[in-house]
Amino acid sequence: MLLPALSAISRATVGAASVPSYTINDWDTASDEWLDKTEVKALYNECLSYGMVERNDRSTWRWSHQIVARYLATRTEGSE
């Protein structure tokens, strides 16, 4: 469930802004289909600790590496 959620989040955000900065709400909304609110928060915090995303301020974040975000955006459910 985590990989489909990350893929959904990246599809919802990659290319959505000229300056890649997204709100926590973007993260929540994109992953609603896959995770409950507790899991969404845990996944966000894990991604922060692993360096996949970086916090801009209290309410915005960005992908640390656009190549990872673009890769995740291309994944479909069940793809390896």
N, C-alpha and C. Protein backbone atom coordinates (compact mmCIF):
# COMPACT_ATOMS: atom_id res chain seq x y z
N MET A 1 0.80 -1.21 0.00
CA MET A 1 0.00 0.00 0.00
C MET A 1 0.84 1.28 0.00
N LEU A 2 2.06 1.19 0.50
CA LEU A 2 2.89 2.39 0.57
C LEU A 2 3.36 2.85 -0.80
N LEU A 3 3.79 1.93 -1.63
CA LEU A 3 4.26 2.32 -2.96
C LEU A 3 3.15 2.91 -3.81
N PRO A 4 1.95 2.32 -3.83
CA PRO A 4 0.87 2.97 -4.59
C PRO A 4 0.53 4.36 -4.03
N ALA A 5 0.62 4.51 -2.71
CA ALA A 5 0.35 5.83 -2.12
C ALA A 5 1.40 6.84 -2.55
N LEU A 6 2.68 6.45 -2.49
CA LEU A 6 3.75 7.36 -2.94
C LEU A 6 3.61 7.70 -4.41
N SER A 7 3.23 6.72 -5.21
CA SER A 7 3.02 6.97 -6.64
C SER A 7 1.89 7.96 -6.86
N ALA A 8 0.80 7.80 -6.12
CA ALA A 8 -0.33 8.73 -6.23
C ALA A 8 0.07 10.14 -5.81
N ILE A 9 0.85 10.24 -4.75
CA ILE A 9 1.31 11.55 -4.28
C ILE A 9 2.19 12.20 -5.34
N SER A 10 3.10 11.44 -5.91
CA SER A 10 3.99 12.03 -6.92
C SER A 10 3.22 12.42 -8.18
N ARG A 11 2.24 11.61 -8.59
CA ARG A 11 1.44 11.98 -9.77
C ARG A 11 0.67 13.27 -9.52
N ALA A 12 0.23 13.46 -8.28
CA ALA A 12 -0.55 14.67 -7.95
C ALA A 12 0.32 15.91 -7.83
N THR A 13 1.63 15.73 -7.68
CA THR A 13 2.47 16.89 -7.43
C THR A 13 3.51 17.17 -8.52
N VAL A 14 4.06 16.16 -9.15
CA VAL A 14 5.11 16.39 -10.14
C VAL A 14 4.57 17.24 -11.29
N GLY A 15 5.26 18.33 -11.55
CA GLY A 15 4.85 19.22 -12.62
C GLY A 15 3.68 20.12 -12.28
N ALA A 16 3.22 20.07 -11.04
CA ALA A 16 2.05 20.88 -10.66
C ALA A 16 2.42 22.33 -10.35
N ALA A 17 3.68 22.60 -10.13
CA ALA A 17 4.08 23.96 -9.79
C ALA A 17 5.42 24.28 -10.45
N SER A 18 5.59 25.52 -10.84
CA SER A 18 6.87 25.90 -11.45
C SER A 18 7.97 25.87 -10.40
N VAL A 19 7.65 26.25 -9.18
CA VAL A 19 8.57 26.09 -8.06
C VAL A 19 8.00 24.94 -7.24
N PRO A 20 8.68 23.80 -7.21
CA PRO A 20 8.11 22.63 -6.56
C PRO A 20 7.99 22.78 -5.05
N SER A 21 6.85 23.25 -4.62
CA SER A 21 6.55 23.39 -3.20
C SER A 21 5.08 23.02 -3.03
N TYR A 22 4.83 22.03 -2.20
CA TYR A 22 3.48 21.49 -2.05
C TYR A 22 3.05 21.58 -0.60
N THR A 23 1.76 21.55 -0.38
CA THR A 23 1.25 21.62 0.98
C THR A 23 1.06 20.22 1.55
N ILE A 24 0.95 20.15 2.84
CA ILE A 24 0.67 18.88 3.50
C ILE A 24 -0.67 18.34 3.00
N ASN A 25 -1.60 19.22 2.69
CA ASN A 25 -2.90 18.81 2.17
C ASN A 25 -2.76 18.06 0.84
N ASP A 26 -1.81 18.47 0.00
CA ASP A 26 -1.55 17.74 -1.25
C ASP A 26 -1.18 16.29 -0.96
N TRP A 27 -0.37 16.09 0.05
CA TRP A 27 0.06 14.76 0.46
C TRP A 27 -1.15 13.94 0.94
N ASP A 28 -1.95 14.54 1.83
CA ASP A 28 -3.13 13.85 2.38
C ASP A 28 -4.14 13.48 1.31
N THR A 29 -4.47 14.43 0.46
CA THR A 29 -5.49 14.23 -0.57
C THR A 29 -5.09 13.14 -1.55
N ALA A 30 -3.84 13.16 -1.99
CA ALA A 30 -3.39 12.19 -2.99
C ALA A 30 -3.34 10.77 -2.46
N SER A 31 -3.12 10.59 -1.17
CA SER A 31 -2.96 9.24 -0.62
C SER A 31 -4.20 8.72 0.09
N ASP A 32 -5.28 9.48 0.08
CA ASP A 32 -6.52 9.07 0.77
C ASP A 32 -7.03 7.69 0.35
N GLU A 33 -6.90 7.37 -0.91
CA GLU A 33 -7.40 6.09 -1.41
C GLU A 33 -6.64 4.90 -0.83
N TRP A 34 -5.39 5.13 -0.45
CA TRP A 34 -4.51 4.03 -0.05
C TRP A 34 -4.28 3.93 1.44
N LEU A 35 -4.30 5.05 2.15
CA LEU A 35 -3.91 5.05 3.56
C LEU A 35 -4.89 5.85 4.40
N ASP A 36 -5.00 5.48 5.68
CA ASP A 36 -5.80 6.31 6.58
C ASP A 36 -4.91 7.46 7.08
N LYS A 37 -5.49 8.40 7.81
CA LYS A 37 -4.77 9.62 8.21
C LYS A 37 -3.53 9.33 9.05
N THR A 38 -3.60 8.34 9.92
CA THR A 38 -2.45 7.98 10.74
C THR A 38 -1.31 7.45 9.88
N GLU A 39 -1.64 6.61 8.91
CA GLU A 39 -0.64 6.04 8.01
C GLU A 39 -0.04 7.13 7.11
N VAL A 40 -0.88 8.06 6.66
CA VAL A 40 -0.40 9.17 5.82
C VAL A 40 0.65 9.97 6.57
N LYS A 41 0.35 10.29 7.82
CA LYS A 41 1.30 11.07 8.63
C LYS A 41 2.59 10.28 8.85
N ALA A 42 2.48 8.99 9.12
CA ALA A 42 3.66 8.15 9.34
C ALA A 42 4.52 8.08 8.07
N LEU A 43 3.86 7.92 6.91
CA LEU A 43 4.60 7.86 5.65
C LEU A 43 5.31 9.18 5.37
N TYR A 44 4.63 10.29 5.59
CA TYR A 44 5.24 11.61 5.39
C TYR A 44 6.48 11.75 6.29
N ASN A 45 6.34 11.39 7.56
CA ASN A 45 7.47 11.50 8.49
C ASN A 45 8.62 10.58 8.10
N GLU A 46 8.32 9.38 7.62
CA GLU A 46 9.37 8.48 7.15
C GLU A 46 10.09 9.07 5.94
N CYS A 47 9.32 9.62 5.02
CA CYS A 47 9.93 10.22 3.82
C CYS A 47 10.82 11.39 4.21
N LEU A 48 10.42 12.16 5.22
CA LEU A 48 11.28 13.23 5.74
C LEU A 48 12.57 12.66 6.31
N SER A 49 12.45 11.62 7.13
CA SER A 49 13.64 11.08 7.78
C SER A 49 14.57 10.39 6.79
N TYR A 50 14.04 9.80 5.72
CA TYR A 50 14.87 9.14 4.71
C TYR A 50 15.42 10.13 3.68
N GLY A 51 14.96 11.38 3.73
CA GLY A 51 15.45 12.38 2.80
C GLY A 51 14.77 12.37 1.45
N MET A 52 13.64 11.68 1.33
CA MET A 52 12.90 11.68 0.06
C MET A 52 12.22 13.02 -0.18
N VAL A 53 11.76 13.64 0.90
CA VAL A 53 11.14 14.96 0.81
C VAL A 53 11.82 15.86 1.84
N GLU A 54 11.71 17.16 1.60
CA GLU A 54 12.26 18.16 2.51
C GLU A 54 11.15 19.13 2.88
N ARG A 55 11.16 19.54 4.10
CA ARG A 55 10.17 20.51 4.59
C ARG A 55 10.68 21.91 4.27
N ASN A 56 9.84 22.71 3.62
CA ASN A 56 10.19 24.11 3.36
C ASN A 56 9.89 24.96 4.58
N ASP A 57 8.74 24.71 5.18
CA ASP A 57 8.32 25.38 6.40
C ASP A 57 7.30 24.46 7.06
N ARG A 58 6.52 24.96 8.00
CA ARG A 58 5.59 24.08 8.73
C ARG A 58 4.53 23.45 7.85
N SER A 59 4.17 24.09 6.76
CA SER A 59 3.04 23.57 5.98
C SER A 59 3.37 23.21 4.53
N THR A 60 4.61 23.38 4.11
CA THR A 60 4.94 23.03 2.73
C THR A 60 6.17 22.11 2.68
N TRP A 61 6.23 21.35 1.61
CA TRP A 61 7.32 20.40 1.41
C TRP A 61 7.65 20.34 -0.08
N ARG A 62 8.75 19.68 -0.41
CA ARG A 62 9.13 19.46 -1.80
C ARG A 62 9.88 18.14 -1.88
N TRP A 63 9.87 17.56 -3.08
CA TRP A 63 10.65 16.34 -3.31
C TRP A 63 12.12 16.70 -3.26
N SER A 64 12.92 15.90 -2.58
CA SER A 64 14.37 16.15 -2.51
C SER A 64 15.04 15.89 -3.85
N HIS A 65 14.54 14.89 -4.56
CA HIS A 65 15.13 14.49 -5.83
C HIS A 65 14.01 14.34 -6.85
N GLN A 66 13.94 15.24 -7.80
CA GLN A 66 12.87 15.21 -8.80
C GLN A 66 12.88 13.91 -9.60
N ILE A 67 14.04 13.31 -9.79
CA ILE A 67 14.10 12.07 -10.56
C ILE A 67 13.32 10.95 -9.85
N VAL A 68 13.38 10.92 -8.52
CA VAL A 68 12.63 9.92 -7.76
C VAL A 68 11.13 10.21 -7.87
N ALA A 69 10.77 11.47 -7.76
CA ALA A 69 9.36 11.85 -7.87
C ALA A 69 8.80 11.50 -9.25
N ARG A 70 9.58 11.79 -10.30
CA ARG A 70 9.13 11.46 -11.65
C ARG A 70 9.00 9.96 -11.86
N TYR A 71 9.96 9.19 -11.30
CA TYR A 71 9.88 7.73 -11.39
C TYR A 71 8.62 7.22 -10.70
N LEU A 72 8.38 7.68 -9.49
CA LEU A 72 7.19 7.24 -8.76
C LEU A 72 5.91 7.61 -9.52
N ALA A 73 5.92 8.76 -10.17
CA ALA A 73 4.73 9.21 -10.91
C ALA A 73 4.42 8.30 -12.09
N THR A 74 5.42 7.61 -12.61
CA THR A 74 5.21 6.74 -13.77
C THR A 74 4.75 5.34 -13.38
N ARG A 75 4.86 5.01 -12.11
CA ARG A 75 4.48 3.67 -11.64
C ARG A 75 2.96 3.51 -11.66
N THR A 76 2.55 2.34 -11.96
CA THR A 76 1.12 2.00 -11.88
C THR A 76 0.96 0.87 -10.87
N GLU A 77 -0.23 0.69 -10.39
CA GLU A 77 -0.48 -0.36 -9.40
C GLU A 77 -0.06 -1.71 -9.96
N GLY A 78 0.72 -2.44 -9.20
CA GLY A 78 1.16 -3.77 -9.60
C GLY A 78 2.43 -3.78 -10.41
N SER A 79 2.98 -2.61 -10.79
CA SER A 79 4.23 -2.62 -11.55
C SER A 79 5.40 -2.83 -10.59
N GLU A 80 6.41 -3.51 -11.06
CA GLU A 80 7.57 -3.82 -10.24
C GLU A 80 8.63 -2.76 -10.39
